[in-house]
Full PDB file with SEQRES, HELIX, SHEET, SSBOND, CRYST1, ORIGX, SCALE, CONECT and MASTER records, all heavy atoms in Angstrom:
SEQRES   1 A   44  MET LYS ILE THR PRO MET ARG ASP ILE ARG ASN GLU ARG          
SEQRES   2 A   44  ILE ARG HIS TRP THR TYR ALA SER GLU CYS ALA ARG LEU          
SEQRES   3 A   44  HIS GLY TYR MET ILE PRO GLY VAL GLU LEU VAL VAL VAL          
SEQRES   4 A   44  GLU VAL GLY ARG ILE                                          
HELIX    1 AA1 ASN A   11  ILE A   14  1                                   4    
HELIX    2 AA2 ALA A   20  GLU A   22  5                                   3    
SHEET    1 AA1 2 LYS A   2  ILE A   3  0                                        
SHEET    2 AA1 2 LEU A  36  VAL A  37 -1                                        
SHEET    1 AA2 2 ILE A   9  ARG A  10  0                                        
SHEET    2 AA2 2 TYR A  29  MET A  30 -1                                        
CRYST1    1.000    1.000    1.000  90.00  90.00  90.00 P 1           1          
ORIGX1      1.000000  0.000000  0.000000        0.00000                         
ORIGX2      0.000000  1.000000  0.000000        0.00000                         
ORIGX3      0.000000  0.000000  1.000000        0.00000                         
SCALE1      1.000000  0.000000  0.000000        0.00000                         
SCALE2      0.000000  1.000000  0.000000        0.00000                         
SCALE3      0.000000  0.000000  1.000000        0.00000                         
ATOM      1  N   MET A   1      66.458  85.997  96.394  1.00  0.00           N  
ATOM      2  CA  MET A   1      67.043  84.658  96.331  1.00  0.00           C  
ATOM      3  C   MET A   1      67.768  84.368  97.639  1.00  0.00           C  
ATOM      4  O   MET A   1      68.109  85.288  98.391  1.00  0.00           O  
ATOM      5  CB  MET A   1      68.012  84.533  95.169  1.00  0.00           C  
ATOM      6  CG  MET A   1      67.366  84.592  93.821  1.00  0.00           C  
ATOM      7  SD  MET A   1      68.618  84.502  92.513  1.00  0.00           S  
ATOM      8  CE  MET A   1      68.140  82.967  91.754  1.00  0.00           C  
ATOM      9  N   LYS A   2      68.012  83.083  97.880  1.00  0.00           N  
ATOM     10  CA  LYS A   2      68.712  82.688  99.113  1.00  0.00           C  
ATOM     11  C   LYS A   2      70.041  82.014  98.757  1.00  0.00           C  
ATOM     12  O   LYS A   2      70.130  81.272  97.790  1.00  0.00           O  
ATOM     13  CB  LYS A   2      67.841  81.739  99.914  1.00  0.00           C  
ATOM     14  CG  LYS A   2      66.590  82.431 100.434  1.00  0.00           C  
ATOM     15  CD  LYS A   2      65.724  81.493 101.209  1.00  0.00           C  
ATOM     16  CE  LYS A   2      64.479  82.247 101.676  1.00  0.00           C  
ATOM     17  NZ  LYS A   2      63.556  81.376 102.402  1.00  0.00           N  
ATOM     18  N   ILE A   3      71.045  82.330  99.588  1.00  0.00           N  
ATOM     19  CA  ILE A   3      72.352  81.692  99.476  1.00  0.00           C  
ATOM     20  C   ILE A   3      72.713  81.106 100.826  1.00  0.00           C  
ATOM     21  O   ILE A   3      72.070  81.414 101.840  1.00  0.00           O  
ATOM     22  CB  ILE A   3      73.435  82.679  98.982  1.00  0.00           C  
ATOM     23  CG1 ILE A   3      73.703  83.772 100.021  1.00  0.00           C  
ATOM     24  CG2 ILE A   3      73.045  83.290  97.635  1.00  0.00           C  
ATOM     25  CD1 ILE A   3      74.905  84.638  99.717  1.00  0.00           C  
ATOM     26  N   THR A   4      73.743  80.277 100.847  1.00  0.00           N  
ATOM     27  CA  THR A   4      74.222  79.689 102.098  1.00  0.00           C  
ATOM     28  C   THR A   4      75.741  79.548 102.045  1.00  0.00           C  
ATOM     29  O   THR A   4      76.313  79.416 100.960  1.00  0.00           O  
ATOM     30  CB  THR A   4      73.557  78.314 102.349  1.00  0.00           C  
ATOM     31  OG1 THR A   4      73.843  77.889 103.680  1.00  0.00           O  
ATOM     32  CG2 THR A   4      74.013  77.261 101.349  1.00  0.00           C  
ATOM     33  N   PRO A   5      76.394  79.598 103.191  1.00  0.00           N  
ATOM     34  CA  PRO A   5      77.844  79.379 103.203  1.00  0.00           C  
ATOM     35  C   PRO A   5      78.185  77.930 102.838  1.00  0.00           C  
ATOM     36  O   PRO A   5      77.410  77.015 103.116  1.00  0.00           O  
ATOM     37  CB  PRO A   5      78.258  79.662 104.644  1.00  0.00           C  
ATOM     38  CG  PRO A   5      77.091  80.263 105.325  1.00  0.00           C  
ATOM     39  CD  PRO A   5      75.888  79.925 104.530  1.00  0.00           C  
ATOM     40  N   MET A   6      79.336  77.739 102.218  1.00  0.00           N  
ATOM     41  CA  MET A   6      79.831  76.389 101.924  1.00  0.00           C  
ATOM     42  C   MET A   6      80.716  75.880 103.057  1.00  0.00           C  
ATOM     43  O   MET A   6      81.065  74.713 103.092  1.00  0.00           O  
ATOM     44  CB  MET A   6      80.630  76.376 100.614  1.00  0.00           C  
ATOM     45  CG  MET A   6      79.776  76.668  99.391  1.00  0.00           C  
ATOM     46  SD  MET A   6      80.657  76.436  97.839  1.00  0.00           S  
ATOM     47  CE  MET A   6      81.844  77.771  97.867  1.00  0.00           C  
ATOM     48  N   ARG A   7      81.103  76.771 103.949  1.00  0.00           N  
ATOM     49  CA  ARG A   7      81.961  76.430 105.096  1.00  0.00           C  
ATOM     50  C   ARG A   7      81.600  77.376 106.234  1.00  0.00           C  
ATOM     51  O   ARG A   7      80.885  78.338 106.027  1.00  0.00           O  
ATOM     52  CB  ARG A   7      83.436  76.573 104.726  1.00  0.00           C  
ATOM     53  CG  ARG A   7      83.833  77.986 104.323  1.00  0.00           C  
ATOM     54  CD  ARG A   7      85.256  78.141 103.840  1.00  0.00           C  
ATOM     55  NE  ARG A   7      85.652  77.218 102.817  1.00  0.00           N  
ATOM     56  CZ  ARG A   7      85.386  77.346 101.514  1.00  0.00           C  
ATOM     57  NH1 ARG A   7      84.689  78.381 101.092  1.00  0.00           N  
ATOM     58  NH2 ARG A   7      85.812  76.469 100.634  1.00  0.00           N  
ATOM     59  N   ASP A   8      82.097  77.108 107.419  1.00  0.00           N  
ATOM     60  CA  ASP A   8      81.854  78.019 108.542  1.00  0.00           C  
ATOM     61  C   ASP A   8      82.399  79.405 108.210  1.00  0.00           C  
ATOM     62  O   ASP A   8      83.513  79.529 107.683  1.00  0.00           O  
ATOM     63  CB  ASP A   8      82.542  77.518 109.813  1.00  0.00           C  
ATOM     64  CG  ASP A   8      81.906  76.248 110.371  1.00  0.00           C  
ATOM     65  OD1 ASP A   8      80.855  75.829 109.861  1.00  0.00           O  
ATOM     66  OD2 ASP A   8      82.479  75.680 111.317  1.00  0.00           O  
ATOM     67  N   ILE A   9      81.626  80.420 108.504  1.00  0.00           N  
ATOM     68  CA  ILE A   9      82.050  81.797 108.289  1.00  0.00           C  
ATOM     69  C   ILE A   9      82.127  82.477 109.658  1.00  0.00           C  
ATOM     70  O   ILE A   9      81.135  82.568 110.372  1.00  0.00           O  
ATOM     71  CB  ILE A   9      81.045  82.578 107.384  1.00  0.00           C  
ATOM     72  CG1 ILE A   9      80.867  81.882 106.027  1.00  0.00           C  
ATOM     73  CG2 ILE A   9      81.478  84.040 107.232  1.00  0.00           C  
ATOM     74  CD1 ILE A   9      82.094  81.908 105.132  1.00  0.00           C  
ATOM     75  N   ARG A  10      83.312  82.930 109.985  1.00  0.00           N  
ATOM     76  CA  ARG A  10      83.566  83.571 111.275  1.00  0.00           C  
ATOM     77  C   ARG A  10      84.038  85.008 111.053  1.00  0.00           C  
ATOM     78  O   ARG A  10      84.465  85.367 109.968  1.00  0.00           O  
ATOM     79  CB  ARG A  10      84.636  82.793 112.048  1.00  0.00           C  
ATOM     80  CG  ARG A  10      84.251  81.351 112.309  1.00  0.00           C  
ATOM     81  CD  ARG A  10      85.415  80.551 112.917  1.00  0.00           C  
ATOM     82  NE  ARG A  10      85.084  79.157 113.039  1.00  0.00           N  
ATOM     83  CZ  ARG A  10      84.454  78.627 114.085  1.00  0.00           C  
ATOM     84  NH1 ARG A  10      84.098  79.393 115.092  1.00  0.00           N  
ATOM     85  NH2 ARG A  10      84.173  77.344 114.107  1.00  0.00           N  
ATOM     86  N   ASN A  11      83.985  85.802 112.125  1.00  0.00           N  
ATOM     87  CA  ASN A  11      84.433  87.194 112.042  1.00  0.00           C  
ATOM     88  C   ASN A  11      85.877  87.288 111.566  1.00  0.00           C  
ATOM     89  O   ASN A  11      86.234  88.232 110.851  1.00  0.00           O  
ATOM     90  CB  ASN A  11      84.283  87.885 113.399  1.00  0.00           C  
ATOM     91  CG  ASN A  11      82.840  88.157 113.734  1.00  0.00           C  
ATOM     92  OD1 ASN A  11      82.078  88.635 112.914  1.00  0.00           O  
ATOM     93  ND2 ASN A  11      82.455  87.840 114.964  1.00  0.00           N  
ATOM     94  N   GLU A  12      86.705  86.316 111.923  1.00  0.00           N  
ATOM     95  CA  GLU A  12      88.108  86.334 111.520  1.00  0.00           C  
ATOM     96  C   GLU A  12      88.256  86.282 110.005  1.00  0.00           C  
ATOM     97  O   GLU A  12      89.173  86.863 109.433  1.00  0.00           O  
ATOM     98  CB  GLU A  12      88.873  85.164 112.158  1.00  0.00           C  
ATOM     99  CG  GLU A  12      89.026  85.270 113.656  1.00  0.00           C  
ATOM    100  CD  GLU A  12      87.756  84.911 114.435  1.00  0.00           C  
ATOM    101  OE1 GLU A  12      86.892  84.162 113.911  1.00  0.00           O  
ATOM    102  OE2 GLU A  12      87.611  85.404 115.554  1.00  0.00           O  
ATOM    103  N   ARG A  13      87.348  85.577 109.326  1.00  0.00           N  
ATOM    104  CA  ARG A  13      87.376  85.511 107.868  1.00  0.00           C  
ATOM    105  C   ARG A  13      86.818  86.820 107.286  1.00  0.00           C  
ATOM    106  O   ARG A  13      87.394  87.402 106.372  1.00  0.00           O  
ATOM    107  CB  ARG A  13      86.561  84.316 107.372  1.00  0.00           C  
ATOM    108  CG  ARG A  13      86.515  84.206 105.849  1.00  0.00           C  
ATOM    109  CD  ARG A  13      85.693  83.013 105.386  1.00  0.00           C  
ATOM    110  NE  ARG A  13      86.175  81.752 105.907  1.00  0.00           N  
ATOM    111  CZ  ARG A  13      87.081  80.992 105.324  1.00  0.00           C  
ATOM    112  NH1 ARG A  13      87.602  81.353 104.180  1.00  0.00           N  
ATOM    113  NH2 ARG A  13      87.463  79.861 105.869  1.00  0.00           N  
ATOM    114  N   ILE A  14      85.699  87.263 107.831  1.00  0.00           N  
ATOM    115  CA  ILE A  14      85.018  88.453 107.302  1.00  0.00           C  
ATOM    116  C   ILE A  14      85.910  89.695 107.383  1.00  0.00           C  
ATOM    117  O   ILE A  14      85.895  90.518 106.483  1.00  0.00           O  
ATOM    118  CB  ILE A  14      83.689  88.693 108.050  1.00  0.00           C  
ATOM    119  CG1 ILE A  14      82.720  87.538 107.754  1.00  0.00           C  
ATOM    120  CG2 ILE A  14      83.077  90.031 107.667  1.00  0.00           C  
ATOM    121  CD1 ILE A  14      81.461  87.541 108.599  1.00  0.00           C  
ATOM    122  N   ARG A  15      86.697  89.822 108.416  1.00  0.00           N  
ATOM    123  CA  ARG A  15      87.511  91.044 108.587  1.00  0.00           C  
ATOM    124  C   ARG A  15      88.532  91.252 107.476  1.00  0.00           C  
ATOM    125  O   ARG A  15      89.070  92.339 107.320  1.00  0.00           O  
ATOM    126  CB  ARG A  15      88.161  91.094 109.958  1.00  0.00           C  
ATOM    127  CG  ARG A  15      89.270  90.124 110.163  1.00  0.00           C  
ATOM    128  CD  ARG A  15      89.754  90.173 111.611  1.00  0.00           C  
ATOM    129  NE  ARG A  15      90.767  89.175 111.824  1.00  0.00           N  
ATOM    130  CZ  ARG A  15      92.033  89.457 112.054  1.00  0.00           C  
ATOM    131  NH1 ARG A  15      92.435  90.711 112.141  1.00  0.00           N  
ATOM    132  NH2 ARG A  15      92.900  88.488 112.232  1.00  0.00           N  
ATOM    133  N   HIS A  16      88.799  90.205 106.678  1.00  0.00           N  
ATOM    134  CA  HIS A  16      89.737  90.312 105.558  1.00  0.00           C  
ATOM    135  C   HIS A  16      89.031  90.526 104.220  1.00  0.00           C  
ATOM    136  O   HIS A  16      89.689  90.643 103.190  1.00  0.00           O  
ATOM    137  CB  HIS A  16      90.611  89.049 105.471  1.00  0.00           C  
ATOM    138  CG  HIS A  16      91.474  88.869 106.673  1.00  0.00           C  
ATOM    139  ND1 HIS A  16      92.564  89.668 106.947  1.00  0.00           N  
ATOM    140  CD2 HIS A  16      91.396  87.998 107.703  1.00  0.00           C  
ATOM    141  CE1 HIS A  16      93.120  89.290 108.085  1.00  0.00           C  
ATOM    142  NE2 HIS A  16      92.426  88.271 108.564  1.00  0.00           N  
ATOM    143  N   TRP A  17      87.715  90.568 104.227  1.00  0.00           N  
ATOM    144  CA  TRP A  17      86.961  90.742 102.976  1.00  0.00           C  
ATOM    145  C   TRP A  17      87.087  92.163 102.436  1.00  0.00           C  
ATOM    146  O   TRP A  17      87.352  93.110 103.177  1.00  0.00           O  
ATOM    147  CB  TRP A  17      85.493  90.415 103.201  1.00  0.00           C  
ATOM    148  CG  TRP A  17      85.200  88.952 103.342  1.00  0.00           C  
ATOM    149  CD1 TRP A  17      86.084  87.917 103.263  1.00  0.00           C  
ATOM    150  CD2 TRP A  17      83.922  88.369 103.601  1.00  0.00           C  
ATOM    151  NE1 TRP A  17      85.429  86.727 103.447  1.00  0.00           N  
ATOM    152  CE2 TRP A  17      84.110  86.973 103.655  1.00  0.00           C  
ATOM    153  CE3 TRP A  17      82.645  88.886 103.780  1.00  0.00           C  
ATOM    154  CZ2 TRP A  17      83.050  86.098 103.877  1.00  0.00           C  
ATOM    155  CZ3 TRP A  17      81.597  88.009 104.006  1.00  0.00           C  
ATOM    156  CH2 TRP A  17      81.805  86.630 104.053  1.00  0.00           C  
ATOM    157  N   THR A  18      86.852  92.299 101.160  1.00  0.00           N  
ATOM    158  CA  THR A  18      86.919  93.592 100.487  1.00  0.00           C  
ATOM    159  C   THR A  18      86.017  94.634 101.149  1.00  0.00           C  
ATOM    160  O   THR A  18      86.400  95.771 101.341  1.00  0.00           O  
ATOM    161  CB  THR A  18      86.520  93.432  99.006  1.00  0.00           C  
ATOM    162  OG1 THR A  18      87.379  92.457  98.410  1.00  0.00           O  
ATOM    163  CG2 THR A  18      86.609  94.743  98.250  1.00  0.00           C  
ATOM    164  N   TYR A  19      84.798  94.223 101.494  1.00  0.00           N  
ATOM    165  CA  TYR A  19      83.819  95.149 102.074  1.00  0.00           C  
ATOM    166  C   TYR A  19      83.614  94.887 103.569  1.00  0.00           C  
ATOM    167  O   TYR A  19      82.511  95.066 104.095  1.00  0.00           O  
ATOM    168  CB  TYR A  19      82.480  95.031 101.330  1.00  0.00           C  
ATOM    169  CG  TYR A  19      82.592  95.355  99.861  1.00  0.00           C  
ATOM    170  CD1 TYR A  19      82.529  94.354  98.899  1.00  0.00           C  
ATOM    171  CD2 TYR A  19      82.787  96.665  99.429  1.00  0.00           C  
ATOM    172  CE1 TYR A  19      82.638  94.646  97.542  1.00  0.00           C  
ATOM    173  CE2 TYR A  19      82.904  96.963  98.087  1.00  0.00           C  
ATOM    174  CZ  TYR A  19      82.830  95.954  97.154  1.00  0.00           C  
ATOM    175  OH  TYR A  19      82.947  96.239  95.813  1.00  0.00           O  
ATOM    176  N   ALA A  20      84.661  94.519 104.261  1.00  0.00           N  
ATOM    177  CA  ALA A  20      84.567  94.175 105.688  1.00  0.00           C  
ATOM    178  C   ALA A  20      83.952  95.301 106.517  1.00  0.00           C  
ATOM    179  O   ALA A  20      83.172  95.036 107.436  1.00  0.00           O  
ATOM    180  CB  ALA A  20      85.948  93.826 106.238  1.00  0.00           C  
ATOM    181  N   SER A  21      84.256  96.532 106.169  1.00  0.00           N  
ATOM    182  CA  SER A  21      83.728  97.660 106.944  1.00  0.00           C  
ATOM    183  C   SER A  21      82.216  97.815 106.802  1.00  0.00           C  
ATOM    184  O   SER A  21      81.580  98.496 107.597  1.00  0.00           O  
ATOM    185  CB  SER A  21      84.414  98.963 106.534  1.00  0.00           C  
ATOM    186  OG  SER A  21      84.093  99.283 105.189  1.00  0.00           O  
ATOM    187  N   GLU A  22      81.625  97.140 105.799  1.00  0.00           N  
ATOM    188  CA  GLU A  22      80.177  97.212 105.590  1.00  0.00           C  
ATOM    189  C   GLU A  22      79.465  95.935 106.038  1.00  0.00           C  
ATOM    190  O   GLU A  22      78.296  95.734 105.735  1.00  0.00           O  
ATOM    191  CB  GLU A  22      79.885  97.468 104.111  1.00  0.00           C  
ATOM    192  CG  GLU A  22      80.428  98.800 103.627  1.00  0.00           C  
ATOM    193  CD  GLU A  22      80.102  99.073 102.185  1.00  0.00           C  
ATOM    194  OE1 GLU A  22      78.908  99.000 101.830  1.00  0.00           O  
ATOM    195  OE2 GLU A  22      81.033  99.354 101.410  1.00  0.00           O  
ATOM    196  N   CYS A  23      80.190  95.096 106.776  1.00  0.00           N  
ATOM    197  CA  CYS A  23      79.624  93.833 107.256  1.00  0.00           C  
ATOM    198  C   CYS A  23      79.348  93.913 108.761  1.00  0.00           C  
ATOM    199  O   CYS A  23      80.163  94.450 109.513  1.00  0.00           O  
ATOM    200  CB  CYS A  23      80.585  92.678 106.994  1.00  0.00           C  
ATOM    201  SG  CYS A  23      80.793  92.278 105.257  1.00  0.00           S  
ATOM    202  N   ALA A  24      78.219  93.335 109.159  1.00  0.00           N  
ATOM    203  CA  ALA A  24      77.881  93.263 110.575  1.00  0.00           C  
ATOM    204  C   ALA A  24      78.814  92.284 111.283  1.00  0.00           C  
ATOM    205  O   ALA A  24      79.297  91.332 110.678  1.00  0.00           O  
ATOM    206  CB  ALA A  24      76.438  92.812 110.740  1.00  0.00           C  
ATOM    207  N   ARG A  25      79.047  92.538 112.532  1.00  0.00           N  
ATOM    208  CA  ARG A  25      79.835  91.599 113.332  1.00  0.00           C  
ATOM    209  C   ARG A  25      78.915  90.455 113.749  1.00  0.00           C  
ATOM    210  O   ARG A  25      77.797  90.672 114.188  1.00  0.00           O  
ATOM    211  CB  ARG A  25      80.396  92.318 114.558  1.00  0.00           C  
ATOM    212  CG  ARG A  25      81.248  91.439 115.411  1.00  0.00           C  
ATOM    213  CD  ARG A  25      82.267  92.257 116.166  1.00  0.00           C  
ATOM    214  NE  ARG A  25      83.003  91.440 117.108  1.00  0.00           N  
ATOM    215  CZ  ARG A  25      84.013  90.644 116.771  1.00  0.00           C  
ATOM    216  NH1 ARG A  25      84.403  90.586 115.522  1.00  0.00           N  
ATOM    217  NH2 ARG A  25      84.636  89.936 117.678  1.00  0.00           N  
ATOM    218  N   LEU A  26      79.404  89.235 113.587  1.00  0.00           N  
ATOM    219  CA  LEU A  26      78.618  88.056 113.947  1.00  0.00           C  
ATOM    220  C   LEU A  26      78.777  87.740 115.423  1.00  0.00           C  
ATOM    221  O   LEU A  26      79.826  87.966 116.010  1.00  0.00           O  
ATOM    222  CB  LEU A  26      79.093  86.838 113.147  1.00  0.00           C  
ATOM    223  CG  LEU A  26      79.050  86.932 111.629  1.00  0.00           C  
ATOM    224  CD1 LEU A  26      79.622  85.654 111.012  1.00  0.00           C  
ATOM    225  CD2 LEU A  26      77.627  87.170 111.148  1.00  0.00           C  
ATOM    226  N   HIS A  27      77.728  87.194 116.016  1.00  0.00           N  
ATOM    227  CA  HIS A  27      77.799  86.639 117.372  1.00  0.00           C  
ATOM    228  C   HIS A  27      77.934  85.141 117.159  1.00  0.00           C  
ATOM    229  O   HIS A  27      76.966  84.463 116.843  1.00  0.00           O  
ATOM    230  CB  HIS A  27      76.548  86.976 118.171  1.00  0.00           C  
ATOM    231  CG  HIS A  27      76.366  88.437 118.381  1.00  0.00           C  
ATOM    232  ND1 HIS A  27      77.162  89.168 119.239  1.00  0.00           N  
ATOM    233  CD2 HIS A  27      75.523  89.331 117.821  1.00  0.00           C  
ATOM    234  CE1 HIS A  27      76.793  90.431 119.211  1.00  0.00           C  
ATOM    235  NE2 HIS A  27      75.810  90.556 118.356  1.00  0.00           N  
ATOM    236  N   GLY A  28      79.146  84.637 117.251  1.00  0.00           N  
ATOM    237  CA  GLY A  28      79.414  83.247 116.928  1.00  0.00           C  
ATOM    238  C   GLY A  28      79.835  83.156 115.473  1.00  0.00           C  
ATOM    239  O   GLY A  28      80.665  83.930 115.020  1.00  0.00           O  
ATOM    240  N   TYR A  29      79.219  82.229 114.728  1.00  0.00           N  
ATOM    241  CA  TYR A  29      79.592  82.045 113.331  1.00  0.00           C  
ATOM    242  C   TYR A  29      78.415  81.463 112.561  1.00  0.00           C  
ATOM    243  O   TYR A  29      77.444  80.997 113.148  1.00  0.00           O  
ATOM    244  CB  TYR A  29      80.827  81.165 113.190  1.00  0.00           C  
ATOM    245  CG  TYR A  29      80.691  79.791 113.815  1.00  0.00           C  
ATOM    246  CD1 TYR A  29      80.291  78.707 113.041  1.00  0.00           C  
ATOM    247  CD2 TYR A  29      80.952  79.581 115.163  1.00  0.00           C  
ATOM    248  CE1 TYR A  29      80.152  77.438 113.594  1.00  0.00           C  
ATOM    249  CE2 TYR A  29      80.826  78.321 115.727  1.00  0.00           C  
ATOM    250  CZ  TYR A  29      80.427  77.252 114.945  1.00  0.00           C  
ATOM    251  OH  TYR A  29      80.303  76.019 115.499  1.00  0.00           O  
ATOM    252  N   MET A  30      78.516  81.513 111.228  1.00  0.00           N  
ATOM    253  CA  MET A  30      77.487  80.934 110.363  1.00  0.00           C  
ATOM    254  C   MET A  30      77.986  79.587 109.861  1.00  0.00           C  
ATOM    255  O   MET A  30      79.163  79.426 109.545  1.00  0.00           O  
ATOM    256  CB  MET A  30      77.212  81.839 109.154  1.00  0.00           C  
ATOM    257  CG  MET A  30      76.525  83.110 109.510  1.00  0.00           C  
ATOM    258  SD  MET A  30      76.082  84.059 108.037  1.00  0.00           S  
ATOM    259  CE  MET A  30      77.679  84.403 107.351  1.00  0.00           C  
ATOM    260  N   ILE A  31      77.058  78.634 109.746  1.00  0.00           N  
ATOM    261  CA  ILE A  31      77.404  77.304 109.260  1.00  0.00           C  
ATOM    262  C   ILE A  31      76.689  77.040 107.937  1.00  0.00           C  
ATOM    263  O   ILE A  31      75.703  77.712 107.616  1.00  0.00           O  
ATOM    264  CB  ILE A  31      77.011  76.215 110.294  1.00  0.00           C  
ATOM    265  CG1 ILE A  31      75.506  76.245 110.563  1.00  0.00           C  
ATOM    266  CG2 ILE A  31      77.810  76.376 111.582  1.00  0.00           C  
ATOM    267  CD1 ILE A  31      75.005  75.108 111.410  1.00  0.00           C  
ATOM    268  N   PRO A  32      77.188  76.092 107.146  1.00  0.00           N  
ATOM    269  CA  PRO A  32      76.477  75.728 105.913  1.00  0.00           C  
ATOM    270  C   PRO A  32      75.025  75.368 106.222  1.00  0.00           C  
ATOM    271  O   PRO A  32      74.729  74.729 107.230  1.00  0.00           O  
ATOM    272  CB  PRO A  32      77.262  74.507 105.413  1.00  0.00           C  
ATOM    273  CG  PRO A  32      78.646  74.720 105.954  1.00  0.00           C  
ATOM    274  CD  PRO A  32      78.427  75.331 107.311  1.00  0.00           C  
ATOM    275  N   GLY A  33      74.137  75.817 105.364  1.00  0.00           N  
ATOM    276  CA  GLY A  33      72.708  75.579 105.553  1.00  0.00           C  
ATOM    277  C   GLY A  33      71.946  76.800 106.037  1.00  0.00           C  
ATOM    278  O   GLY A  33      70.737  76.878 105.872  1.00  0.00           O  
ATOM    279  N   VAL A  34      72.650  77.766 106.648  1.00  0.00           N  
ATOM    280  CA  VAL A  34      71.995  78.999 107.078  1.00  0.00           C  
ATOM    281  C   VAL A  34      71.506  79.735 105.839  1.00  0.00           C  
ATOM    282  O   VAL A  34      72.259  79.905 104.874  1.00  0.00           O  
ATOM    283  CB  VAL A  34      72.964  79.894 107.881  1.00  0.00           C  
ATOM    284  CG1 VAL A  34      72.372  81.270 108.125  1.00  0.00           C  
ATOM    285  CG2 VAL A  34      73.327  79.246 109.187  1.00  0.00           C  
ATOM    286  N   GLU A  35      70.251  80.165 105.838  1.00  0.00           N  
ATOM    287  CA  GLU A  35      69.681  80.861 104.689  1.00  0.00           C  
ATOM    288  C   GLU A  35      69.898  82.362 104.811  1.00  0.00           C  
ATOM    289  O   GLU A  35      69.420  82.993 105.746  1.00  0.00           O  
ATOM    290  CB  GLU A  35      68.189  80.559 104.567  1.00  0.00           C  
ATOM    291  CG  GLU A  35      67.896  79.127 104.229  1.00  0.00           C  
ATOM    292  CD  GLU A  35      66.419  78.868 103.993  1.00  0.00           C  
ATOM    293  OE1 GLU A  35      65.596  79.810 104.096  1.00  0.00           O  
ATOM    294  OE2 GLU A  35      66.087  77.714 103.714  1.00  0.00           O  
ATOM    295  N   LEU A  36      70.631  82.909 103.861  1.00  0.00           N  
ATOM    296  CA  LEU A  36      70.867  84.344 103.778  1.00  0.00           C  
ATOM    297  C   LEU A  36      70.081  84.861 102.576  1.00  0.00           C  
ATOM    298  O   LEU A  36      70.152  84.288 101.489  1.00  0.00           O  
ATOM    299  CB  LEU A  36      72.355  84.633 103.591  1.00  0.00           C  
ATOM    300  CG  LEU A  36      73.287  83.985 104.624  1.00  0.00           C  
ATOM    301  CD1 LEU A  36      74.731  84.197 104.227  1.00  0.00           C  
ATOM    302  CD2 LEU A  36      73.012  84.522 105.999  1.00  0.00           C  
ATOM    303  N   VAL A  37      69.326  85.926 102.769  1.00  0.00           N  
ATOM    304  CA  VAL A  37      68.478  86.458 101.706  1.00  0.00           C  
ATOM    305  C   VAL A  37      69.195  87.607 101.000  1.00  0.00           C  
ATOM    306  O   VAL A  37      69.680  88.548 101.638  1.00  0.00           O  
ATOM    307  CB  VAL A  37      67.130  86.952 102.275  1.00  0.00           C  
ATOM    308  CG1 VAL A  37      66.255  87.548 101.182  1.00  0.00           C  
ATOM    309  CG2 VAL A  37      66.404  85.817 102.987  1.00  0.00           C  
ATOM    310  N   VAL A  38      69.238  87.546  99.672  1.00  0.00           N  
ATOM    311  CA  VAL A  38      69.843  88.593  98.862  1.00  0.00           C  
ATOM    312  C   VAL A  38      68.947  89.826  98.907  1.00  0.00           C  
ATOM    313  O   VAL A  38      67.761  89.747  98.597  1.00  0.00           O  
ATOM    314  CB  VAL A  38      70.039  88.127  97.402  1.00  0.00           C  
ATOM    315  CG1 VAL A  38      70.548  89.264  96.528  1.00  0.00           C  
ATOM    316  CG2 VAL A  38      70.974  86.928  97.346  1.00  0.00           C  
ATOM    317  N   VAL A  39      69.505  90.977  99.314  1.00  0.00           N  
ATOM    318  CA  VAL A  39      68.732  92.211  99.388  1.00  0.00           C  
ATOM    319  C   VAL A  39      69.210  93.265  98.390  1.00  0.00           C  
ATOM    320  O   VAL A  39      68.490  94.236  98.121  1.00  0.00           O  
ATOM    321  CB  VAL A  39      68.713  92.815 100.815  1.00  0.00           C  
ATOM    322  CG1 VAL A  39      67.996  91.874 101.770  1.00  0.00           C  
ATOM    323  CG2 VAL A  39      70.114  93.113 101.312  1.00  0.00           C  
ATOM    324  N   GLU A  40      70.399  93.069  97.831  1.00  0.00           N  
ATOM    325  CA  GLU A  40      70.932  94.030  96.857  1.00  0.00           C  
ATOM    326  C   GLU A  40      72.069  93.357  96.092  1.00  0.00           C  
ATOM    327  O   GLU A  40      72.807  92.554  96.665  1.00  0.00           O  
ATOM    328  CB  GLU A  40      71.448  95.272  97.593  1.00  0.00           C  
ATOM    329  CG  GLU A  40      71.825  96.433  96.731  1.00  0.00           C  
ATOM    330  CD  GLU A  40      72.258  97.647  97.561  1.00  0.00           C  
ATOM    331  OE1 GLU A  40      72.288  97.588  98.805  1.00  0.00           O  
ATOM    332  OE2 GLU A  40      72.582  98.661  96.923  1.00  0.00           O  
ATOM    333  N   VAL A  41      72.197  93.689  94.811  1.00  0.00           N  
ATOM    334  CA  VAL A  41      73.263  93.132  93.983  1.00  0.00           C  
ATOM    335  C   VAL A  41      73.925  94.271  93.219  1.00  0.00           C  
ATOM    336  O   VAL A  41      73.246  95.074  92.586  1.00  0.00           O  
ATOM    337  CB  VAL A  41      72.722  92.079  92.985  1.00  0.00           C  
ATOM    338  CG1 VAL A  41      73.854  91.486  92.163  1.00  0.00           C  
ATOM    339  CG2 VAL A  41      71.962  90.982  93.715  1.00  0.00           C  
ATOM    340  N   GLY A  42      75.263  94.353  93.294  1.00  0.00           N  
ATOM    341  CA  GLY A  42      76.028  95.336  92.533  1.00  0.00           C  
ATOM    342  C   GLY A  42      76.647  94.655  91.326  1.00  0.00           C  
ATOM    343  O   GLY A  42      77.406  93.700  91.488  1.00  0.00           O  
ATOM    344  N   ARG A  43      76.319  95.122  90.144  1.00  0.00           N  
ATOM    345  CA  ARG A  43      76.763  94.431  88.929  1.00  0.00           C  
ATOM    346  C   ARG A  43      77.721  95.264  88.071  1.00  0.00           C  
ATOM    347  O   ARG A  43      77.834  95.044  86.881  1.00  0.00           O  
ATOM    348  CB  ARG A  43      75.547  94.038  88.100  1.00  0.00           C  
ATOM    349  CG  ARG A  43      74.709  92.966  88.756  1.00  0.00           C  
ATOM    350  CD  ARG A  43      73.632  92.448  87.822  1.00  0.00           C  
ATOM    351  NE  ARG A  43      72.927  91.336  88.417  1.00  0.00           N  
ATOM    352  CZ  ARG A  43      71.832  91.438  89.148  1.00  0.00           C  
ATOM    353  NH1 ARG A  43      71.308  92.619  89.365  1.00  0.00           N  
ATOM    354  NH2 ARG A  43      71.253  90.370  89.638  1.00  0.00           N  
ATOM    355  N   ILE A  44      78.435  96.190  88.666  1.00  0.00           N  
ATOM    356  CA  ILE A  44      79.419  96.971  87.916  1.00  0.00           C  
ATOM    357  C   ILE A  44      80.595  96.048  87.619  1.00  0.00           C  
ATOM    358  O   ILE A  44      81.160  95.449  88.550  1.00  0.00           O  
ATOM    359  CB  ILE A  44      79.892  98.193  88.716  1.00  0.00           C  
ATOM    360  CG1 ILE A  44      78.715  99.129  88.993  1.00  0.00           C  
ATOM    361  CG2 ILE A  44      81.019  98.921  87.995  1.00  0.00           C  
ATOM    362  CD1 ILE A  44      79.031 100.249  89.969  1.00  0.00           C  
TER     363      ILE A  44                                                      
MASTER        0    0    0    2    4    0    0    6  362    1    0    4          
END                                                                             
């Protein structure tokens, strides 16, 4: 499935996320409309 950001997503926001250490560093930022493909889902 595909998801998209609802707002600009920058490294400054990502670094505060729960799984920040498992996130790639962005070159620039993501904007609404960018298609991100779901590759894994944790349902615990």
